[in-house]
C-alpha atoms as a PDB file:
ATOM      1  CA  MET A   1      47.693  38.632   5.599  1.00  0.00           C
ATOM      2  CA  PHE A   2      47.580  35.552   3.362  1.00  0.00           C
ATOM      3  CA  ARG A   3      46.538  33.334   6.304  1.00  0.00           C
ATOM      4  CA  THR A   4      43.686  35.675   7.212  1.00  0.00           C
ATOM      5  CA  VAL A   5      42.308  35.663   3.667  1.00  0.00           C
ATOM      6  CA  LEU A   6      42.713  31.891   3.434  1.00  0.00           C
ATOM      7  CA  ALA A   7      40.959  31.357   6.772  1.00  0.00           C
ATOM      8  CA  ALA A   8      38.073  33.593   5.660  1.00  0.00           C
ATOM      9  CA  LEU A   9      37.710  31.664   2.390  1.00  0.00           C
ATOM     10  CA  VAL A  10      37.743  28.286   4.153  1.00  0.00           C
ATOM     11  CA  ALA A  11      35.124  29.510   6.640  1.00  0.00           C
ATOM     12  CA  ALA A  12      32.923  30.789   3.811  1.00  0.00           C
ATOM     13  CA  VAL A  13      33.142  27.478   1.957  1.00  0.00           C
ATOM     14  CA  LEU A  14      32.296  25.507   5.100  1.00  0.00           C
ATOM     15  CA  VAL A  15      29.296  27.709   5.928  1.00  0.00           C
ATOM     16  CA  THR A  16      27.842  27.559   2.413  1.00  0.00           C
ATOM     17  CA  GLY A  17      28.418  23.794   2.290  1.00  0.00           C
ATOM     18  CA  ALA A  18      26.584  23.304   5.597  1.00  0.00           C
ATOM     19  CA  LEU A  19      23.691  25.469   4.436  1.00  0.00           C
ATOM     20  CA  SER A  20      23.322  23.738   1.087  1.00  0.00           C
ATOM     21  CA  THR A  21      23.303  20.203   2.564  1.00  0.00           C
ATOM     22  CA  GLY A  22      20.655  21.091   5.125  1.00  0.00           C
ATOM     23  CA  ALA A  23      18.317  22.571   2.521  1.00  0.00           C
ATOM     24  CA  THR A  24      18.145  19.585   0.162  1.00  0.00           C
ATOM     25  CA  ALA A  25      14.895  17.626  -0.007  1.00  0.00           C
ATOM     26  CA  ALA A  26      14.680  13.857   0.321  1.00  0.00           C
ATOM     27  CA  ALA A  27      14.480  11.878  -2.908  1.00  0.00           C
ATOM     28  CA  PRO A  28      11.019  10.537  -3.815  1.00  0.00           C
ATOM     29  CA  LYS A  29      10.449   6.827  -3.284  1.00  0.00           C
ATOM     30  CA  ARG A  30       8.979   4.212  -5.574  1.00  0.00           C
ATOM     31  CA  VAL A  31       5.727   2.487  -4.630  1.00  0.00           C
ATOM     32  CA  ILE A  32       5.839  -1.226  -3.714  1.00  0.00           C
ATOM     33  CA  GLU A  33       2.453  -2.945  -3.440  1.00  0.00           C
ATOM     34  CA  GLU A  34       2.584  -6.537  -2.241  1.00  0.00           C
ATOM     35  CA  LYS A  35      -0.072  -9.193  -1.785  1.00  0.00           C
ATOM     36  CA  GLU A  36      -0.036 -11.391   1.307  1.00  0.00           C
ATOM     37  CA  PRO A  37       2.187 -14.448   0.676  1.00  0.00           C
ATOM     38  CA  GLN A  38       0.213 -17.524  -0.450  1.00  0.00           C
ATOM     39  CA  GLN A  39       1.250 -21.001   0.686  1.00  0.00           C
ATOM     40  CA  VAL A  40       2.246 -23.217  -2.263  1.00  0.00           C
ATOM     41  CA  SER A  41       3.753 -26.194  -0.384  1.00  0.00           C
ATOM     42  CA  TYR A  42       4.529 -27.256   3.180  1.00  0.00           C
ATOM     43  CA  ASN A  43       7.041 -24.505   3.963  1.00  0.00           C
ATOM     44  CA  ALA A  44       7.074 -22.465   0.738  1.00  0.00           C
ATOM     45  CA  PHE A  45       5.080 -19.322   0.065  1.00  0.00           C
ATOM     46  CA  LYS A  46       4.717 -17.182  -3.067  1.00  0.00           C
ATOM     47  CA  LEU A  47       5.430 -13.464  -2.650  1.00  0.00           C
ATOM     48  CA  LYS A  48       4.034 -11.297  -5.417  1.00  0.00           C
ATOM     49  CA  GLY A  49       4.127  -7.526  -5.780  1.00  0.00           C
ATOM     50  CA  THR A  50       4.339  -4.598  -8.153  1.00  0.00           C
ATOM     51  CA  VAL A  51       6.763  -1.696  -8.211  1.00  0.00           C
ATOM     52  CA  SER A  52       5.766   1.679  -9.666  1.00  0.00           C
ATOM     53  CA  GLU A  53       7.476   5.022 -10.099  1.00  0.00           C
ATOM     54  CA  PRO A  54       5.378   8.111  -9.238  1.00  0.00           C
ATOM     55  CA  GLN A  55       5.574  10.874 -11.817  1.00  0.00           C
ATOM     56  CA  ALA A  56       5.255  14.651 -11.359  1.00  0.00           C
ATOM     57  CA  ASP A  57       1.721  14.662 -12.818  1.00  0.00           C
ATOM     58  CA  GLY A  58       0.527  12.087 -10.239  1.00  0.00           C
ATOM     59  CA  THR A  59       0.537   9.027 -12.496  1.00  0.00           C
ATOM     60  CA  LEU A  60       2.395   5.795 -11.763  1.00  0.00           C
ATOM     61  CA  LEU A  61       4.666   4.172 -14.345  1.00  0.00           C
ATOM     62  CA  PRO A  62       5.699   0.509 -13.977  1.00  0.00           C
ATOM     63  CA  TYR A  63       9.241  -0.214 -12.840  1.00  0.00           C
ATOM     64  CA  ALA A  64       9.785  -2.538 -15.824  1.00  0.00           C
ATOM     65  CA  ASP A  65      12.644  -5.025 -16.268  1.00  0.00           C
ATOM     66  CA  GLN A  66      14.527  -3.901 -13.154  1.00  0.00           C
ATOM     67  CA  LYS A  67      15.967  -5.635 -10.084  1.00  0.00           C
ATOM     68  CA  VAL A  68      14.171  -6.120  -6.768  1.00  0.00           C
ATOM     69  CA  LYS A  69      16.125  -7.493  -3.813  1.00  0.00           C
ATOM     70  CA  ILE A  70      14.501 -10.028  -1.500  1.00  0.00           C
ATOM     71  CA  LEU A  71      15.822  -9.654   2.052  1.00  0.00           C
ATOM     72  CA  LYS A  72      15.592 -12.091   4.983  1.00  0.00           C
ATOM     73  CA  LYS A  73      16.137 -11.609   8.686  1.00  0.00           C
ATOM     74  CA  ALA A  74      16.408 -14.613  11.030  1.00  0.00           C
ATOM     75  CA  CYS A  75      15.812 -12.769  14.320  1.00  0.00           C
ATOM     76  CA  LYS A  76      14.630  -9.406  15.572  1.00  0.00           C
ATOM     77  CA  SER A  77      18.128  -8.056  16.260  1.00  0.00           C
ATOM     78  CA  CYS A  78      19.781  -9.659  13.202  1.00  0.00           C
ATOM     79  CA  LYS A  79      20.679  -7.689  10.094  1.00  0.00           C
ATOM     80  CA  TRP A  80      18.771  -7.914   6.817  1.00  0.00           C
ATOM     81  CA  LYS A  81      20.549 -10.155   4.287  1.00  0.00           C
ATOM     82  CA  VAL A  82      19.977 -10.260   0.537  1.00  0.00           C
ATOM     83  CA  VAL A  83      18.749 -13.764  -0.270  1.00  0.00           C
ATOM     84  CA  LYS A  84      17.949 -13.301  -3.948  1.00  0.00           C
ATOM     85  CA  LYS A  85      17.488 -10.731  -6.672  1.00  0.00           C
ATOM     86  CA  VAL A  86      14.468 -10.990  -8.946  1.00  0.00           C
ATOM     87  CA  LYS A  87      13.523  -8.952 -12.013  1.00  0.00           C
ATOM     88  CA  THR A  88      10.236  -7.236 -12.632  1.00  0.00           C
ATOM     89  CA  ASP A  89       8.339  -7.880 -15.861  1.00  0.00           C
ATOM     90  CA  GLU A  90       7.112  -5.185 -18.258  1.00  0.00           C
ATOM     91  CA  SER A  91       4.216  -4.322 -15.917  1.00  0.00           C
ATOM     92  CA  GLY A  92       6.503  -3.915 -12.883  1.00  0.00           C
ATOM     93  CA  THR A  93       5.387  -7.208 -11.256  1.00  0.00           C
ATOM     94  CA  PHE A  94       7.792  -9.511  -9.421  1.00  0.00           C
ATOM     95  CA  LYS A  95       7.223 -13.035  -8.061  1.00  0.00           C
ATOM     96  CA  THR A  96       9.364 -15.288  -5.907  1.00  0.00           C
ATOM     97  CA  LYS A  97       9.154 -18.110  -3.394  1.00  0.00           C
ATOM     98  CA  ILE A  98       9.951 -17.424   0.250  1.00  0.00           C
ATOM     99  CA  TYR A  99      10.204 -20.062   2.948  1.00  0.00           C
ATOM    100  CA  ALA A 100       9.229 -20.622   6.575  1.00  0.00           C
ATOM    101  CA  PRO A 101      11.753 -22.171   8.993  1.00  0.00           C
ATOM    102  CA  ALA A 102      11.102 -25.432  10.870  1.00  0.00           C
ATOM    103  CA  LYS A 103      11.609 -23.523  14.153  1.00  0.00           C
ATOM    104  CA  GLY A 104      11.423 -19.837  14.928  1.00  0.00           C
ATOM    105  CA  THR A 105      10.389 -16.965  12.670  1.00  0.00           C
ATOM    106  CA  TRP A 106      11.892 -15.509   9.530  1.00  0.00           C
ATOM    107  CA  ARG A 107      11.152 -11.977   8.401  1.00  0.00           C
ATOM    108  CA  TRP A 108      11.046 -11.221   4.681  1.00  0.00           C
ATOM    109  CA  ARG A 109      10.916  -7.937   2.780  1.00  0.00           C
ATOM    110  CA  SER A 110      11.490  -6.582  -0.705  1.00  0.00           C
ATOM    111  CA  LYS A 111      13.725  -3.636  -1.490  1.00  0.00           C
ATOM    112  CA  VAL A 112      14.488  -1.501  -4.532  1.00  0.00           C
ATOM    113  CA  ASP A 113      17.791   0.396  -4.445  1.00  0.00           C
ATOM    114  CA  HIS A 114      18.083   4.088  -5.231  1.00  0.00           C
ATOM    115  CA  SER A 115      18.512   5.121  -8.867  1.00  0.00           C
ATOM    116  CA  ASN A 116      17.323   7.732 -11.374  1.00  0.00           C
ATOM    117  CA  GLY A 117      16.521  10.297  -8.683  1.00  0.00           C
ATOM    118  CA  TYR A 118      14.463   7.905  -6.518  1.00  0.00           C
ATOM    119  CA  GLY A 119      15.508   6.866  -3.002  1.00  0.00           C
ATOM    120  CA  ASN A 120      15.732   3.381  -1.486  1.00  0.00           C
ATOM    121  CA  THR A 121      12.261   1.838  -1.193  1.00  0.00           C
ATOM    122  CA  LYS A 122      11.346  -1.029   1.122  1.00  0.00           C
ATOM    123  CA  GLY A 123       8.241  -3.197   1.051  1.00  0.00           C
ATOM    124  CA  LYS A 124       6.232  -4.615   3.957  1.00  0.00           C
ATOM    125  CA  VAL A 125       7.839  -6.982   6.440  1.00  0.00           C
ATOM    126  CA  TRP A 126       6.309 -10.469   6.277  1.00  0.00           C
ATOM    127  CA  PHE A 127       6.639 -12.907   9.204  1.00  0.00           C
ATOM    128  CA  LEU A 128       6.726 -16.624   8.344  1.00  0.00           C
ATOM    129  CA  PHE A 129       6.678 -19.354  10.991  1.00  0.00           C
ATOM    130  CA  PHE A 130       5.064 -22.707  11.901  1.00  0.00           C
END
């Protein structure tokens, strides 16, 4: 008798857990707007962008004084690696230098990790080469 009741309770917990995880909505994402990288020296480029948080009323608030990760990928099948972490200013703007390799192509992208109810947000992929 005890095993039957226990099995019924376990089944009920598993069913309600499966239903509740399937019904959750995806977290909203922040908005990353980037300008095309500008060449500042032979192989160095300046990447500049702004990060904003959309609000329920449709407005955008700056993602002020927070971290943005700069990721690099050396080949198409390689994994993204964090190269540096930069901070946004009070208006949500970040700036950094990215570089082009002597041979081949490097892919660059910015990323903001999930926090405060927002999901992971990734910027455009930029290809740098000579």
